[in-house]
Amino acid sequence: MGKMYQANCECSYSLFDLLSGCGMTGVSFDLLYCEDCNHVFSRKTIVKSRKCSSCRSDNLKVIDTDFIILKCPICSQKKLEVGIAGKWD
């Protein structure tokens, strides 16, 4: 069973339906953070390209924890809270 994440910042920036892990269909996702532009996104694990979907950088970090505070791509403050919102399968 996979995890669904959401991200929220004090500046009103928010993301929903970020996926991590594997579902019953066998499709697996990684939750990624770009250390260059601060973009948070999900990508299928089988995708060979490990580049940011926003800036095309390869400076990516896999988020593998239940809660983390990151730098927001909008306000550039380290106030973007990324945490589990539920499970998916």
C-alpha atoms as a PDB file:
ATOM      1  CA  MET A   1       0.000   0.000   0.000  1.00  0.00           C
ATOM      2  CA  GLY A   2       1.308   3.439  -0.898  1.00  0.00           C
ATOM      3  CA  LYS A   3       1.174   6.758   0.919  1.00  0.00           C
ATOM      4  CA  MET A   4      -0.516   9.984  -0.200  1.00  0.00           C
ATOM      5  CA  TYR A   5       1.140  13.221   0.851  1.00  0.00           C
ATOM      6  CA  GLN A   6       0.110  16.842   0.902  1.00  0.00           C
ATOM      7  CA  ALA A   7       2.301  19.932   1.187  1.00  0.00           C
ATOM      8  CA  ASN A   8       1.321  23.272   2.724  1.00  0.00           C
ATOM      9  CA  CYS A   9       3.179  26.523   3.333  1.00  0.00           C
ATOM     10  CA  GLU A  10       2.250  29.625   5.341  1.00  0.00           C
ATOM     11  CA  CYS A  11       2.294  31.615   2.083  1.00  0.00           C
ATOM     12  CA  SER A  12      -0.845  29.677   0.947  1.00  0.00           C
ATOM     13  CA  TYR A  13       1.041  27.399  -1.478  1.00  0.00           C
ATOM     14  CA  SER A  14      -0.298  23.843  -1.296  1.00  0.00           C
ATOM     15  CA  LEU A  15      -0.056  20.544  -3.153  1.00  0.00           C
ATOM     16  CA  PHE A  16      -2.350  17.525  -2.857  1.00  0.00           C
ATOM     17  CA  ASP A  17      -2.352  13.930  -4.107  1.00  0.00           C
ATOM     18  CA  LEU A  18       1.408  13.442  -4.028  1.00  0.00           C
ATOM     19  CA  LEU A  19       2.037   9.683  -4.190  1.00  0.00           C
ATOM     20  CA  SER A  20       4.763   7.450  -2.818  1.00  0.00           C
ATOM     21  CA  GLY A  21       5.096   3.681  -2.704  1.00  0.00           C
ATOM     22  CA  CYS A  22       3.358   0.886  -4.578  1.00  0.00           C
ATOM     23  CA  GLY A  23      -0.330   0.226  -5.137  1.00  0.00           C
ATOM     24  CA  MET A  24      -2.143  -3.062  -5.766  1.00  0.00           C
ATOM     25  CA  THR A  25      -1.791  -2.596  -9.530  1.00  0.00           C
ATOM     26  CA  GLY A  26       1.988  -2.822  -9.171  1.00  0.00           C
ATOM     27  CA  VAL A  27       2.577   0.811 -10.133  1.00  0.00           C
ATOM     28  CA  SER A  28       5.152   2.443  -7.860  1.00  0.00           C
ATOM     29  CA  PHE A  29       5.832   6.148  -7.283  1.00  0.00           C
ATOM     30  CA  ASP A  30       8.660   8.139  -5.714  1.00  0.00           C
ATOM     31  CA  LEU A  31       8.078  11.442  -3.947  1.00  0.00           C
ATOM     32  CA  LEU A  32      10.845  13.805  -5.072  1.00  0.00           C
ATOM     33  CA  TYR A  33      12.187  17.216  -4.039  1.00  0.00           C
ATOM     34  CA  CYS A  34      14.326  19.334  -6.353  1.00  0.00           C
ATOM     35  CA  GLU A  35      17.102  20.996  -4.383  1.00  0.00           C
ATOM     36  CA  ASP A  36      17.592  23.602  -7.134  1.00  0.00           C
ATOM     37  CA  CYS A  37      14.052  25.001  -7.567  1.00  0.00           C
ATOM     38  CA  ASN A  38      12.349  23.498  -4.451  1.00  0.00           C
ATOM     39  CA  HIS A  39       9.674  21.727  -6.523  1.00  0.00           C
ATOM     40  CA  VAL A  40       7.947  18.716  -4.859  1.00  0.00           C
ATOM     41  CA  PHE A  41       6.415  16.101  -7.180  1.00  0.00           C
ATOM     42  CA  SER A  42       5.629  12.415  -7.671  1.00  0.00           C
ATOM     43  CA  ARG A  43       7.032  10.334 -10.490  1.00  0.00           C
ATOM     44  CA  LYS A  44       6.602   6.694 -11.461  1.00  0.00           C
ATOM     45  CA  THR A  45       9.588   4.730 -10.179  1.00  0.00           C
ATOM     46  CA  ILE A  46      10.151   3.074 -13.571  1.00  0.00           C
ATOM     47  CA  VAL A  47      10.746   6.420 -15.316  1.00  0.00           C
ATOM     48  CA  LYS A  48      14.384   6.442 -16.390  1.00  0.00           C
ATOM     49  CA  SER A  49      14.706  10.228 -16.465  1.00  0.00           C
ATOM     50  CA  ARG A  50      15.611  11.516 -13.013  1.00  0.00           C
ATOM     51  CA  LYS A  51      15.113  15.181 -13.805  1.00  0.00           C
ATOM     52  CA  CYS A  52      12.913  17.783 -12.147  1.00  0.00           C
ATOM     53  CA  SER A  53       9.600  18.235 -13.949  1.00  0.00           C
ATOM     54  CA  SER A  54       9.883  21.994 -13.377  1.00  0.00           C
ATOM     55  CA  CYS A  55      13.514  23.045 -14.009  1.00  0.00           C
ATOM     56  CA  ARG A  56      14.989  19.816 -15.525  1.00  0.00           C
ATOM     57  CA  SER A  57      17.727  19.654 -12.849  1.00  0.00           C
ATOM     58  CA  ASP A  58      19.005  16.242 -11.765  1.00  0.00           C
ATOM     59  CA  ASN A  59      19.638  17.468  -8.200  1.00  0.00           C
ATOM     60  CA  LEU A  60      16.744  15.470  -6.721  1.00  0.00           C
ATOM     61  CA  LYS A  61      16.168  14.064  -3.264  1.00  0.00           C
ATOM     62  CA  VAL A  62      13.756  11.183  -2.591  1.00  0.00           C
ATOM     63  CA  ILE A  63      11.426  11.984   0.296  1.00  0.00           C
ATOM     64  CA  ASP A  64      11.089   8.778   2.315  1.00  0.00           C
ATOM     65  CA  THR A  65       9.892  10.077   5.668  1.00  0.00           C
ATOM     66  CA  ASP A  66       6.374  10.651   7.009  1.00  0.00           C
ATOM     67  CA  PHE A  67       6.925  14.369   7.682  1.00  0.00           C
ATOM     68  CA  ILE A  68       9.507  16.908   6.543  1.00  0.00           C
ATOM     69  CA  ILE A  69       9.817  20.690   6.316  1.00  0.00           C
ATOM     70  CA  LEU A  70      11.328  21.943   3.057  1.00  0.00           C
ATOM     71  CA  LYS A  71      12.013  25.235   1.312  1.00  0.00           C
ATOM     72  CA  CYS A  72       8.901  26.523  -0.477  1.00  0.00           C
ATOM     73  CA  PRO A  73       9.180  27.089  -4.261  1.00  0.00           C
ATOM     74  CA  ILE A  74       6.992  30.217  -4.004  1.00  0.00           C
ATOM     75  CA  CYS A  75       8.173  32.182  -0.935  1.00  0.00           C
ATOM     76  CA  SER A  76      11.646  30.557  -0.608  1.00  0.00           C
ATOM     77  CA  GLN A  77      11.181  30.136   3.152  1.00  0.00           C
ATOM     78  CA  LYS A  78      11.823  26.779   4.834  1.00  0.00           C
ATOM     79  CA  LYS A  79       8.168  26.474   5.813  1.00  0.00           C
ATOM     80  CA  LEU A  80       6.751  23.948   3.338  1.00  0.00           C
ATOM     81  CA  GLU A  81       5.369  21.119   5.490  1.00  0.00           C
ATOM     82  CA  VAL A  82       5.112  17.815   3.631  1.00  0.00           C
ATOM     83  CA  GLY A  83       3.243  15.053   5.445  1.00  0.00           C
ATOM     84  CA  ILE A  84       1.096  11.976   5.014  1.00  0.00           C
ATOM     85  CA  ALA A  85      -2.541  12.663   4.092  1.00  0.00           C
ATOM     86  CA  GLY A  86      -3.629   9.044   3.668  1.00  0.00           C
ATOM     87  CA  LYS A  87      -2.955   5.754   1.933  1.00  0.00           C
ATOM     88  CA  TRP A  88      -3.614   4.585  -1.614  1.00  0.00           C
ATOM     89  CA  ASP A  89      -3.653   1.213  -3.329  1.00  0.00           C
END
